[in-house]
N, C-alpha and C. Protein backbone atom coordinates (compact mmCIF):
# COMPACT_ATOMS: atom_id res chain seq x y z
N MET A 1 -55.01 -38.12 48.59
CA MET A 1 -54.03 -37.06 48.43
C MET A 1 -53.80 -36.40 49.78
N PRO A 2 -52.63 -36.55 50.38
CA PRO A 2 -52.35 -35.89 51.66
C PRO A 2 -52.30 -34.37 51.48
N LEU A 3 -52.75 -33.67 52.50
CA LEU A 3 -52.71 -32.22 52.48
C LEU A 3 -51.48 -31.75 53.24
N ALA A 4 -50.71 -30.91 52.61
CA ALA A 4 -49.48 -30.41 53.23
C ALA A 4 -49.78 -29.20 54.10
N GLU A 5 -48.94 -28.99 55.10
CA GLU A 5 -49.04 -27.80 55.94
C GLU A 5 -49.02 -26.57 55.04
N GLY A 6 -49.92 -25.64 55.31
CA GLY A 6 -50.00 -24.42 54.51
C GLY A 6 -50.99 -24.50 53.36
N THR A 7 -51.49 -25.70 53.05
CA THR A 7 -52.50 -25.84 52.01
C THR A 7 -53.77 -25.15 52.46
N ARG A 8 -54.46 -24.52 51.54
CA ARG A 8 -55.74 -23.89 51.85
C ARG A 8 -56.86 -24.72 51.22
N VAL A 9 -57.84 -25.07 52.05
CA VAL A 9 -59.02 -25.80 51.60
C VAL A 9 -60.20 -24.91 51.94
N GLY A 10 -60.77 -24.26 50.92
CA GLY A 10 -61.81 -23.27 51.18
C GLY A 10 -61.24 -22.19 52.09
N PRO A 11 -61.92 -21.86 53.18
CA PRO A 11 -61.41 -20.84 54.09
C PRO A 11 -60.49 -21.40 55.18
N TYR A 12 -60.06 -22.65 55.05
CA TYR A 12 -59.29 -23.31 56.10
C TYR A 12 -57.84 -23.48 55.69
N ASP A 13 -56.92 -23.05 56.55
CA ASP A 13 -55.49 -23.24 56.34
C ASP A 13 -55.08 -24.50 57.11
N ILE A 14 -54.51 -25.47 56.41
CA ILE A 14 -54.06 -26.71 57.05
C ILE A 14 -52.82 -26.40 57.88
N LEU A 15 -52.86 -26.78 59.16
CA LEU A 15 -51.73 -26.55 60.06
C LEU A 15 -50.86 -27.79 60.21
N ASP A 16 -51.49 -28.95 60.41
CA ASP A 16 -50.73 -30.20 60.50
C ASP A 16 -51.70 -31.38 60.46
N LYS A 17 -51.13 -32.55 60.27
CA LYS A 17 -51.92 -33.78 60.24
C LYS A 17 -51.99 -34.35 61.65
N LEU A 18 -53.21 -34.65 62.11
CA LEU A 18 -53.40 -35.20 63.44
C LEU A 18 -53.37 -36.71 63.45
N GLY A 19 -53.83 -37.33 62.37
CA GLY A 19 -53.87 -38.79 62.34
C GLY A 19 -54.60 -39.29 61.12
N GLU A 20 -54.63 -40.61 60.99
CA GLU A 20 -55.29 -41.23 59.85
C GLU A 20 -55.88 -42.55 60.28
N GLY A 21 -57.08 -42.84 59.79
CA GLY A 21 -57.75 -44.09 60.12
C GLY A 21 -58.46 -44.64 58.90
N ALA A 22 -59.32 -45.61 59.13
CA ALA A 22 -60.00 -46.30 58.04
C ALA A 22 -60.90 -45.37 57.22
N MET A 23 -61.47 -44.35 57.86
CA MET A 23 -62.40 -43.46 57.15
C MET A 23 -61.75 -42.17 56.67
N GLY A 24 -60.45 -42.03 56.82
CA GLY A 24 -59.79 -40.85 56.28
C GLY A 24 -58.75 -40.26 57.19
N ALA A 25 -58.18 -39.17 56.71
CA ALA A 25 -57.14 -38.45 57.45
C ALA A 25 -57.78 -37.24 58.15
N VAL A 26 -57.24 -36.91 59.33
CA VAL A 26 -57.73 -35.77 60.09
C VAL A 26 -56.60 -34.74 60.21
N TYR A 27 -56.94 -33.50 59.89
CA TYR A 27 -55.98 -32.41 59.91
C TYR A 27 -56.45 -31.32 60.86
N ARG A 28 -55.50 -30.70 61.53
CA ARG A 28 -55.80 -29.49 62.30
C ARG A 28 -55.69 -28.33 61.32
N ALA A 29 -56.70 -27.48 61.33
CA ALA A 29 -56.73 -26.36 60.39
C ALA A 29 -57.20 -25.10 61.11
N ARG A 30 -56.94 -23.98 60.49
CA ARG A 30 -57.37 -22.68 61.03
C ARG A 30 -58.50 -22.16 60.16
N ASP A 31 -59.65 -21.92 60.79
CA ASP A 31 -60.79 -21.32 60.12
C ASP A 31 -60.50 -19.82 60.02
N THR A 32 -60.20 -19.34 58.82
CA THR A 32 -59.79 -17.95 58.66
C THR A 32 -60.97 -16.99 58.76
N ARG A 33 -62.19 -17.49 58.62
CA ARG A 33 -63.36 -16.61 58.75
C ARG A 33 -63.70 -16.36 60.21
N LEU A 34 -63.61 -17.41 61.04
CA LEU A 34 -64.01 -17.29 62.43
C LEU A 34 -62.84 -17.28 63.40
N ASN A 35 -61.62 -17.36 62.86
CA ASN A 35 -60.41 -17.27 63.66
C ASN A 35 -60.38 -18.31 64.79
N ARG A 36 -60.58 -19.57 64.41
CA ARG A 36 -60.54 -20.67 65.38
C ARG A 36 -59.95 -21.90 64.72
N ASN A 37 -59.41 -22.80 65.54
CA ASN A 37 -58.89 -24.05 65.04
C ASN A 37 -60.03 -25.07 64.92
N VAL A 38 -59.95 -25.87 63.88
CA VAL A 38 -60.92 -26.94 63.66
C VAL A 38 -60.15 -28.18 63.23
N ALA A 39 -60.80 -29.32 63.33
CA ALA A 39 -60.26 -30.55 62.78
C ALA A 39 -61.05 -30.85 61.51
N ILE A 40 -60.36 -31.19 60.44
CA ILE A 40 -61.00 -31.52 59.17
C ILE A 40 -60.69 -32.97 58.86
N LYS A 41 -61.72 -33.76 58.66
CA LYS A 41 -61.57 -35.17 58.29
C LYS A 41 -61.82 -35.28 56.80
N VAL A 42 -60.85 -35.79 56.07
CA VAL A 42 -60.93 -35.90 54.61
C VAL A 42 -60.98 -37.37 54.22
N LEU A 43 -61.96 -37.70 53.39
CA LEU A 43 -62.08 -39.07 52.92
C LEU A 43 -60.93 -39.43 51.99
N PRO A 44 -60.46 -40.69 52.03
CA PRO A 44 -59.48 -41.14 51.04
C PRO A 44 -60.08 -41.03 49.64
N GLU A 45 -59.25 -40.78 48.66
CA GLU A 45 -59.71 -40.58 47.28
C GLU A 45 -60.59 -41.73 46.79
N ALA A 46 -60.21 -42.97 47.10
CA ALA A 46 -60.98 -44.13 46.63
C ALA A 46 -62.40 -44.13 47.20
N PHE A 47 -62.59 -43.60 48.41
CA PHE A 47 -63.90 -43.60 49.05
C PHE A 47 -64.84 -42.57 48.42
N ARG A 48 -64.29 -41.55 47.80
CA ARG A 48 -65.11 -40.46 47.28
C ARG A 48 -65.99 -40.90 46.11
N GLN A 49 -65.64 -42.03 45.51
CA GLN A 49 -66.43 -42.56 44.39
C GLN A 49 -67.33 -43.71 44.84
N ASP A 50 -67.30 -44.05 46.11
CA ASP A 50 -68.04 -45.19 46.65
C ASP A 50 -69.29 -44.68 47.38
N HIS A 51 -70.45 -44.91 46.79
CA HIS A 51 -71.71 -44.41 47.35
C HIS A 51 -71.93 -44.89 48.79
N ASP A 52 -71.64 -46.15 49.07
CA ASP A 52 -71.84 -46.69 50.43
C ASP A 52 -70.94 -46.00 51.45
N ARG A 53 -69.69 -45.76 51.08
CA ARG A 53 -68.76 -45.08 52.00
C ARG A 53 -69.18 -43.63 52.23
N LEU A 54 -69.63 -42.95 51.16
CA LEU A 54 -70.09 -41.57 51.32
C LEU A 54 -71.31 -41.51 52.23
N THR A 55 -72.20 -42.47 52.07
CA THR A 55 -73.39 -42.54 52.92
C THR A 55 -72.99 -42.75 54.38
N ARG A 56 -72.04 -43.63 54.61
CA ARG A 56 -71.56 -43.90 55.98
C ARG A 56 -70.90 -42.65 56.58
N PHE A 57 -70.11 -41.96 55.77
CA PHE A 57 -69.43 -40.75 56.21
C PHE A 57 -70.45 -39.68 56.61
N ARG A 58 -71.47 -39.48 55.77
CA ARG A 58 -72.51 -38.49 56.07
C ARG A 58 -73.30 -38.89 57.33
N ARG A 59 -73.59 -40.19 57.45
CA ARG A 59 -74.33 -40.68 58.62
C ARG A 59 -73.52 -40.46 59.90
N GLU A 60 -72.20 -40.71 59.83
CA GLU A 60 -71.34 -40.47 60.99
C GLU A 60 -71.41 -39.00 61.41
N ALA A 61 -71.32 -38.09 60.44
CA ALA A 61 -71.36 -36.66 60.75
C ALA A 61 -72.72 -36.27 61.33
N GLN A 62 -73.80 -36.80 60.77
CA GLN A 62 -75.14 -36.48 61.27
C GLN A 62 -75.34 -37.01 62.69
N THR A 63 -74.85 -38.21 62.94
CA THR A 63 -74.98 -38.80 64.27
C THR A 63 -74.22 -37.97 65.31
N LEU A 64 -72.98 -37.62 64.99
CA LEU A 64 -72.19 -36.81 65.92
C LEU A 64 -72.79 -35.42 66.11
N ALA A 65 -73.36 -34.86 65.05
CA ALA A 65 -73.95 -33.52 65.15
C ALA A 65 -75.17 -33.52 66.08
N ALA A 66 -75.82 -34.67 66.21
CA ALA A 66 -77.01 -34.76 67.06
C ALA A 66 -76.67 -34.92 68.54
N LEU A 67 -75.40 -35.21 68.84
CA LEU A 67 -74.99 -35.43 70.21
C LEU A 67 -74.43 -34.16 70.83
N ASN A 68 -74.59 -34.04 72.13
CA ASN A 68 -74.05 -32.89 72.85
C ASN A 68 -73.45 -33.40 74.17
N HIS A 69 -72.14 -33.58 74.17
CA HIS A 69 -71.45 -34.09 75.35
C HIS A 69 -70.03 -33.53 75.34
N PRO A 70 -69.48 -33.17 76.50
CA PRO A 70 -68.14 -32.56 76.51
C PRO A 70 -67.03 -33.48 76.02
N ASN A 71 -67.25 -34.79 76.01
CA ASN A 71 -66.22 -35.72 75.55
C ASN A 71 -66.41 -36.16 74.10
N ILE A 72 -67.35 -35.54 73.40
CA ILE A 72 -67.60 -35.85 71.99
C ILE A 72 -67.39 -34.58 71.20
N ALA A 73 -66.63 -34.68 70.12
CA ALA A 73 -66.34 -33.51 69.29
C ALA A 73 -67.63 -32.95 68.69
N HIS A 74 -67.74 -31.64 68.66
CA HIS A 74 -68.88 -30.98 68.03
C HIS A 74 -68.63 -30.91 66.53
N ILE A 75 -69.68 -31.06 65.76
CA ILE A 75 -69.57 -30.97 64.31
C ILE A 75 -69.97 -29.56 63.89
N TYR A 76 -69.10 -28.88 63.17
CA TYR A 76 -69.39 -27.54 62.68
C TYR A 76 -70.01 -27.57 61.29
N GLY A 77 -69.77 -28.62 60.53
CA GLY A 77 -70.34 -28.67 59.19
C GLY A 77 -69.87 -29.89 58.44
N LEU A 78 -70.57 -30.17 57.36
CA LEU A 78 -70.22 -31.25 56.43
C LEU A 78 -70.12 -30.61 55.07
N GLU A 79 -68.97 -30.70 54.46
CA GLU A 79 -68.71 -29.97 53.22
C GLU A 79 -68.22 -30.91 52.12
N GLU A 80 -68.39 -30.46 50.90
CA GLU A 80 -67.72 -31.09 49.77
C GLU A 80 -67.02 -29.97 49.04
N SER A 81 -65.74 -30.16 48.80
CA SER A 81 -64.93 -29.09 48.24
C SER A 81 -64.18 -29.55 47.00
N GLY A 82 -64.21 -28.75 45.97
CA GLY A 82 -63.41 -29.01 44.78
C GLY A 82 -61.95 -28.64 44.99
N ASP A 83 -61.64 -28.02 46.16
CA ASP A 83 -60.25 -27.66 46.46
C ASP A 83 -59.39 -28.89 46.68
N ILE A 84 -60.04 -29.99 47.08
CA ILE A 84 -59.33 -31.25 47.26
C ILE A 84 -59.52 -32.01 45.96
N GLN A 85 -58.47 -32.64 45.46
CA GLN A 85 -58.53 -33.33 44.18
C GLN A 85 -59.77 -34.21 44.09
N GLY A 86 -60.59 -33.97 43.08
CA GLY A 86 -61.86 -34.69 42.96
C GLY A 86 -62.87 -34.09 43.92
N PRO A 87 -64.08 -34.66 43.97
CA PRO A 87 -65.04 -34.15 44.95
C PRO A 87 -64.56 -34.53 46.34
N GLY A 88 -64.11 -33.57 47.11
CA GLY A 88 -63.48 -33.86 48.40
C GLY A 88 -64.43 -33.73 49.56
N SER A 89 -65.01 -34.83 49.98
CA SER A 89 -65.90 -34.78 51.14
C SER A 89 -65.08 -34.59 52.40
N TRP A 90 -65.54 -33.71 53.27
CA TRP A 90 -64.86 -33.51 54.53
C TRP A 90 -65.84 -33.01 55.56
N VAL A 91 -65.51 -33.23 56.79
CA VAL A 91 -66.36 -32.81 57.89
C VAL A 91 -65.52 -31.95 58.83
N LEU A 92 -66.10 -30.89 59.35
CA LEU A 92 -65.39 -30.01 60.27
C LEU A 92 -65.81 -30.35 61.68
N ARG A 93 -64.84 -30.55 62.54
CA ARG A 93 -65.13 -30.85 63.93
C ARG A 93 -64.47 -29.80 64.81
N SER A 94 -64.96 -29.72 66.02
CA SER A 94 -64.28 -28.84 66.96
C SER A 94 -62.91 -29.43 67.25
N TRP A 95 -62.01 -28.61 67.71
CA TRP A 95 -60.66 -29.09 68.04
C TRP A 95 -60.21 -28.39 69.30
N SER A 96 -59.63 -29.15 70.19
CA SER A 96 -59.04 -28.54 71.37
C SER A 96 -57.90 -29.41 71.84
N LYS A 97 -56.95 -28.78 72.49
CA LYS A 97 -55.87 -29.57 73.10
C LYS A 97 -56.44 -30.32 74.28
N ARG A 98 -56.08 -31.55 74.40
CA ARG A 98 -56.53 -32.36 75.52
C ARG A 98 -55.31 -32.70 76.37
N ARG A 99 -55.57 -33.03 77.59
CA ARG A 99 -54.48 -33.43 78.48
C ARG A 99 -54.67 -34.90 78.83
N ASP A 100 -53.55 -35.62 78.85
CA ASP A 100 -53.63 -37.02 79.26
C ASP A 100 -53.63 -37.07 80.79
N ARG A 101 -53.67 -38.25 81.34
CA ARG A 101 -53.76 -38.39 82.81
C ARG A 101 -52.56 -37.79 83.52
N ALA A 102 -51.43 -37.71 82.85
CA ALA A 102 -50.24 -37.13 83.47
C ALA A 102 -50.21 -35.62 83.34
N GLY A 103 -51.25 -35.05 82.69
CA GLY A 103 -51.31 -33.59 82.55
C GLY A 103 -50.57 -33.07 81.33
N GLN A 104 -50.15 -33.95 80.42
CA GLN A 104 -49.44 -33.53 79.23
C GLN A 104 -50.44 -33.18 78.14
N ASN A 105 -50.15 -32.13 77.33
CA ASN A 105 -51.01 -31.78 76.21
C ASN A 105 -50.92 -32.87 75.16
N THR A 106 -52.07 -33.22 74.62
CA THR A 106 -52.14 -34.16 73.50
C THR A 106 -53.00 -33.53 72.43
N THR A 107 -53.01 -34.11 71.23
CA THR A 107 -53.88 -33.59 70.16
C THR A 107 -54.91 -34.60 69.82
């Protein structure tokens, strides 16, 4: 289930979709409690019922949370929310505008 701009997931307001890959869609959102932007990765609905995929998703979040490097996104948390249709597993990552080699802002 894609999340539309303006949708609220827990304390997070969805601002826009950043991209989508094999493990889910990533959205830029506003953390209304801490007043900062975050990236939220949401598993596809079919994956939420697949124990192996959920295990892989959790392992990915745990692995990234253990790393500390300026070129690797920081993990703020791993959540499951009923706000997303079905048990909605999602992970919160840091988000910042990046610049490409030409100095242009990218997301």
